[in-house]
C-alpha atoms as a PDB file:
ATOM      1  CA  MET A   1      24.515  50.997  -5.569  1.00  0.00           C
ATOM      2  CA  ILE A   2      24.860  50.883  -9.300  1.00  0.00           C
ATOM      3  CA  ASP A   3      28.113  49.913 -10.806  1.00  0.00           C
ATOM      4  CA  HIS A   4      29.095  52.182 -13.690  1.00  0.00           C
ATOM      5  CA  ASP A   5      31.073  50.046 -15.999  1.00  0.00           C
ATOM      6  CA  ILE A   6      30.890  52.100 -19.061  1.00  0.00           C
ATOM      7  CA  PRO A   7      34.173  51.846 -20.853  1.00  0.00           C
ATOM      8  CA  ARG A   8      35.911  55.259 -21.347  1.00  0.00           C
ATOM      9  CA  ILE A   9      36.884  55.668 -25.000  1.00  0.00           C
ATOM     10  CA  LYS A  10      40.436  57.328 -25.603  1.00  0.00           C
ATOM     11  CA  ARG A  11      39.839  59.881 -28.450  1.00  0.00           C
ATOM     12  CA  PRO A  12      42.486  62.471 -29.518  1.00  0.00           C
ATOM     13  CA  THR A  13      42.302  65.850 -27.565  1.00  0.00           C
ATOM     14  CA  SER A  14      40.991  67.279 -30.945  1.00  0.00           C
ATOM     15  CA  GLU A  15      37.808  65.328 -30.484  1.00  0.00           C
ATOM     16  CA  ASN A  16      36.918  66.493 -26.831  1.00  0.00           C
ATOM     17  CA  TYR A  17      33.818  68.479 -27.840  1.00  0.00           C
ATOM     18  CA  LEU A  18      31.972  68.157 -24.710  1.00  0.00           C
ATOM     19  CA  GLU A  19      34.956  69.275 -22.610  1.00  0.00           C
ATOM     20  CA  TYR A  20      35.384  72.177 -24.895  1.00  0.00           C
ATOM     21  CA  PHE A  21      31.783  73.279 -24.551  1.00  0.00           C
ATOM     22  CA  TYR A  22      31.692  72.828 -20.726  1.00  0.00           C
ATOM     23  CA  HIS A  23      35.210  74.705 -20.387  1.00  0.00           C
ATOM     24  CA  TYR A  24      33.650  77.796 -21.929  1.00  0.00           C
ATOM     25  CA  VAL A  25      30.212  77.621 -20.156  1.00  0.00           C
ATOM     26  CA  SER A  26      32.048  77.199 -16.712  1.00  0.00           C
ATOM     27  CA  ASN A  27      34.329  80.225 -17.604  1.00  0.00           C
ATOM     28  CA  GLU A  28      31.101  82.230 -18.562  1.00  0.00           C
ATOM     29  CA  LYS A  29      31.982  82.593 -22.054  1.00  0.00           C
ATOM     30  CA  ALA A  30      30.196  81.561 -25.051  1.00  0.00           C
ATOM     31  CA  PRO A  31      31.648  78.641 -26.985  1.00  0.00           C
ATOM     32  CA  ASP A  32      31.923  79.013 -30.629  1.00  0.00           C
ATOM     33  CA  MET A  33      29.232  76.513 -31.795  1.00  0.00           C
ATOM     34  CA  GLN A  34      30.873  76.163 -35.282  1.00  0.00           C
ATOM     35  CA  MET A  35      33.527  74.069 -33.596  1.00  0.00           C
ATOM     36  CA  ILE A  36      30.984  71.599 -32.346  1.00  0.00           C
ATOM     37  CA  PRO A  37      29.975  68.974 -35.175  1.00  0.00           C
ATOM     38  CA  HIS A  38      26.395  68.466 -36.017  1.00  0.00           C
ATOM     39  CA  SER A  39      24.514  65.840 -33.870  1.00  0.00           C
ATOM     40  CA  ASP A  40      23.924  63.626 -36.801  1.00  0.00           C
ATOM     41  CA  LEU A  41      27.613  62.991 -36.999  1.00  0.00           C
ATOM     42  CA  PHE A  42      27.807  61.657 -33.430  1.00  0.00           C
ATOM     43  CA  TYR A  43      24.833  59.420 -34.242  1.00  0.00           C
ATOM     44  CA  ILE A  44      26.469  58.132 -37.294  1.00  0.00           C
ATOM     45  CA  ARG A  45      29.859  57.588 -35.453  1.00  0.00           C
ATOM     46  CA  ALA A  46      28.142  55.758 -32.603  1.00  0.00           C
ATOM     47  CA  ALA A  47      26.352  53.366 -35.064  1.00  0.00           C
ATOM     48  CA  LEU A  48      29.466  52.739 -36.892  1.00  0.00           C
ATOM     49  CA  GLU A  49      31.522  52.141 -33.718  1.00  0.00           C
ATOM     50  CA  ALA A  50      28.741  49.749 -32.655  1.00  0.00           C
ATOM     51  CA  LYS A  51      28.979  47.810 -35.950  1.00  0.00           C
ATOM     52  CA  PHE A  52      32.609  47.746 -36.174  1.00  0.00           C
ATOM     53  CA  PRO A  53      33.827  47.175 -32.357  1.00  0.00           C
ATOM     54  CA  GLY A  54      37.509  48.134 -31.757  1.00  0.00           C
ATOM     55  CA  ARG A  55      37.283  50.691 -34.567  1.00  0.00           C
ATOM     56  CA  LEU A  56      37.292  54.309 -33.552  1.00  0.00           C
ATOM     57  CA  PHE A  57      36.287  56.863 -36.093  1.00  0.00           C
ATOM     58  CA  THR A  58      37.130  60.412 -35.968  1.00  0.00           C
ATOM     59  CA  MET A  59      34.777  63.292 -37.043  1.00  0.00           C
ATOM     60  CA  ASP A  60      36.782  63.985 -40.273  1.00  0.00           C
ATOM     61  CA  GLU A  61      36.348  60.368 -41.223  1.00  0.00           C
ATOM     62  CA  ILE A  62      32.499  60.537 -40.575  1.00  0.00           C
ATOM     63  CA  ARG A  63      32.215  63.733 -42.568  1.00  0.00           C
ATOM     64  CA  THR A  64      34.166  62.159 -45.388  1.00  0.00           C
ATOM     65  CA  LEU A  65      32.102  59.027 -45.195  1.00  0.00           C
ATOM     66  CA  VAL A  66      28.780  60.967 -45.357  1.00  0.00           C
ATOM     67  CA  ASP A  67      29.890  63.139 -48.160  1.00  0.00           C
ATOM     68  CA  GLN A  68      31.132  60.114 -50.238  1.00  0.00           C
ATOM     69  CA  GLU A  69      28.215  58.016 -49.597  1.00  0.00           C
ATOM     70  CA  TYR A  70      25.137  60.537 -49.565  1.00  0.00           C
ATOM     71  CA  GLY A  71      26.742  63.705 -50.940  1.00  0.00           C
ATOM     72  CA  ILE A  72      25.929  65.673 -47.903  1.00  0.00           C
ATOM     73  CA  GLN A  73      28.719  68.136 -46.714  1.00  0.00           C
ATOM     74  CA  TYR A  74      28.900  69.082 -43.128  1.00  0.00           C
ATOM     75  CA  PRO A  75      31.006  72.052 -42.428  1.00  0.00           C
ATOM     76  CA  LYS A  76      34.502  71.382 -40.729  1.00  0.00           C
ATOM     77  CA  PRO A  77      35.589  73.601 -37.990  1.00  0.00           C
ATOM     78  CA  SER A  78      37.689  76.595 -39.104  1.00  0.00           C
ATOM     79  CA  LYS A  79      40.107  76.003 -36.293  1.00  0.00           C
ATOM     80  CA  LYS A  80      41.254  73.321 -33.788  1.00  0.00           C
ATOM     81  CA  LEU A  81      39.641  73.136 -30.391  1.00  0.00           C
ATOM     82  CA  ASN A  82      41.251  75.272 -27.685  1.00  0.00           C
ATOM     83  CA  LEU A  83      40.712  74.733 -24.237  1.00  0.00           C
ATOM     84  CA  LYS A  84      42.707  77.749 -22.948  1.00  0.00           C
END
């Protein structure tokens, strides 16, 4: 038996992108893909959180950092995640 001791990171509900996606798919609706950040942002966040343990970054912070450091602007979602 494999012991899955992967810590569950508590993020604000506004960052539950996977839950948002699966909620819509399970209800046979098409999710608004503009609501889900580009995969680059997830990789950057994972790398920063590995380098700075104990510090959780929001997608807004990652977007701002990428814009400030590299001048690349990723679009922000036009609305908040809604799981209703």
